[in-house]
Amino acid sequence: MTANKHFKRRVRERARRTGESYTAALRHLRRSEAKEHAVQWQRIEKPDFGYVVHVPHDWQEREPNLANSPWETARFVDPQDRRHVLPGMRLVRSG
């Protein structure tokens, strides 16, 4: 069995899609994976609402947007790019 076959498949797909050589695609994906692993995470607990989230360390918590959903309890946003938002939703149990 080939080691890291899923990663190699991603490299071949990127090379095919971008026209890069396999080596250039490999280099790009290794760099992007290294950046992903370099992210510092913060754990935010919301026991009153029944959830815990892990978000990047520099993200900020905002007030919920109840127009979006009545179950929303918080919004976590990237201060560098407001398009990156994670809404926190209340855990609803039926029955």
Protein backbone atom coordinates (compact mmCIF):
# COMPACT_ATOMS: atom_id res chain seq x y z
CA MET A 1 0.00 0.00 0.00
CA THR A 2 1.36 3.41 -0.95
CA ALA A 3 2.10 5.69 1.99
CA ASN A 4 0.05 8.91 2.07
CA LYS A 5 -1.99 7.91 -0.98
CA HIS A 6 -4.68 10.51 -0.27
CA PHE A 7 -2.12 13.30 -0.06
CA LYS A 8 -0.46 12.13 -3.27
CA ARG A 9 -3.86 12.09 -4.95
CA ARG A 10 -4.37 15.73 -3.90
CA VAL A 11 -0.93 16.63 -5.30
CA ARG A 12 -1.70 14.99 -8.65
CA GLU A 13 -5.10 16.69 -8.78
CA ARG A 14 -3.56 20.11 -8.12
CA ALA A 15 -0.84 19.52 -10.72
CA ARG A 16 -3.46 18.50 -13.27
CA ARG A 17 -5.77 21.44 -12.44
CA THR A 18 -3.07 24.16 -12.36
CA GLY A 19 -0.66 22.82 -14.96
CA GLU A 20 2.15 22.83 -12.40
CA SER A 21 4.71 20.09 -12.20
CA TYR A 22 4.18 17.42 -9.54
CA THR A 23 7.09 18.89 -7.55
CA ALA A 24 5.65 22.42 -7.61
CA ALA A 25 2.22 21.16 -6.56
CA LEU A 26 3.80 19.08 -3.78
CA ARG A 27 5.74 22.10 -2.52
CA HIS A 28 2.60 24.26 -2.48
CA LEU A 29 0.50 21.70 -0.60
CA ARG A 30 3.24 21.03 1.95
CA ARG A 31 3.48 24.77 2.68
CA SER A 32 -0.29 25.11 3.03
CA GLU A 33 -0.41 22.10 5.38
CA ALA A 34 2.40 23.58 7.47
CA LYS A 35 0.43 26.84 7.80
CA GLU A 36 -2.69 24.93 8.84
CA HIS A 37 -0.78 23.12 11.57
CA ALA A 38 0.78 26.37 12.76
CA VAL A 39 -2.60 27.82 13.79
CA GLN A 40 -2.98 28.38 17.52
CA TRP A 41 -6.44 27.33 18.70
CA GLN A 42 -8.55 28.54 21.59
CA ARG A 43 -11.23 26.47 23.29
CA ILE A 44 -14.49 28.25 24.08
CA GLU A 45 -16.99 26.49 26.29
CA LYS A 46 -20.68 27.35 26.34
CA PRO A 47 -22.08 24.87 28.90
CA ASP A 48 -25.36 26.79 29.21
CA PHE A 49 -25.98 26.10 25.54
CA GLY A 50 -24.45 22.62 25.35
CA TYR A 51 -21.38 23.08 23.16
CA VAL A 52 -17.64 23.66 23.01
CA VAL A 53 -15.86 25.12 19.98
CA HIS A 54 -12.24 25.45 18.96
CA VAL A 55 -11.52 28.55 16.89
CA PRO A 56 -8.26 30.20 15.82
CA HIS A 57 -6.66 32.15 18.67
CA ASP A 58 -7.13 35.60 17.11
CA TRP A 59 -10.85 35.16 16.35
CA GLN A 60 -13.25 37.27 18.36
CA GLU A 61 -16.63 36.48 19.88
CA ARG A 62 -19.54 38.70 18.83
CA GLU A 63 -23.19 38.98 19.75
CA PRO A 64 -25.52 36.49 18.06
CA ASN A 65 -27.50 37.53 15.01
CA LEU A 66 -30.99 36.37 15.97
CA ALA A 67 -32.28 37.34 12.53
CA ASN A 68 -30.08 34.53 11.23
CA SER A 69 -31.50 31.93 13.64
CA PRO A 70 -33.31 32.08 16.98
CA TRP A 71 -30.99 29.27 18.14
CA GLU A 72 -27.80 31.26 17.58
CA THR A 73 -25.96 32.03 20.83
CA ALA A 74 -22.71 33.63 19.61
CA ARG A 75 -20.73 34.44 16.49
CA PHE A 76 -17.01 33.89 16.19
CA VAL A 77 -15.34 36.03 13.53
CA ASP A 78 -11.93 36.45 11.97
CA PRO A 79 -10.98 40.11 12.59
CA GLN A 80 -8.87 40.12 9.40
CA ASP A 81 -11.67 38.85 7.13
CA ARG A 82 -15.30 39.29 8.22
CA ARG A 83 -16.43 36.70 5.67
CA HIS A 84 -15.05 33.98 7.98
CA VAL A 85 -17.77 33.46 10.57
CA LEU A 86 -18.70 30.54 12.81
CA PRO A 87 -22.15 30.83 14.39
CA GLY A 88 -22.60 29.06 17.72
CA MET A 89 -25.97 27.36 17.97
CA ARG A 90 -27.91 26.23 21.01
CA LEU A 91 -28.24 22.48 21.37
CA VAL A 92 -31.92 21.60 21.06
CA ARG A 93 -33.12 18.23 22.28
CA SER A 94 -36.52 17.01 21.25
CA GLY A 95 -38.63 14.69 23.32
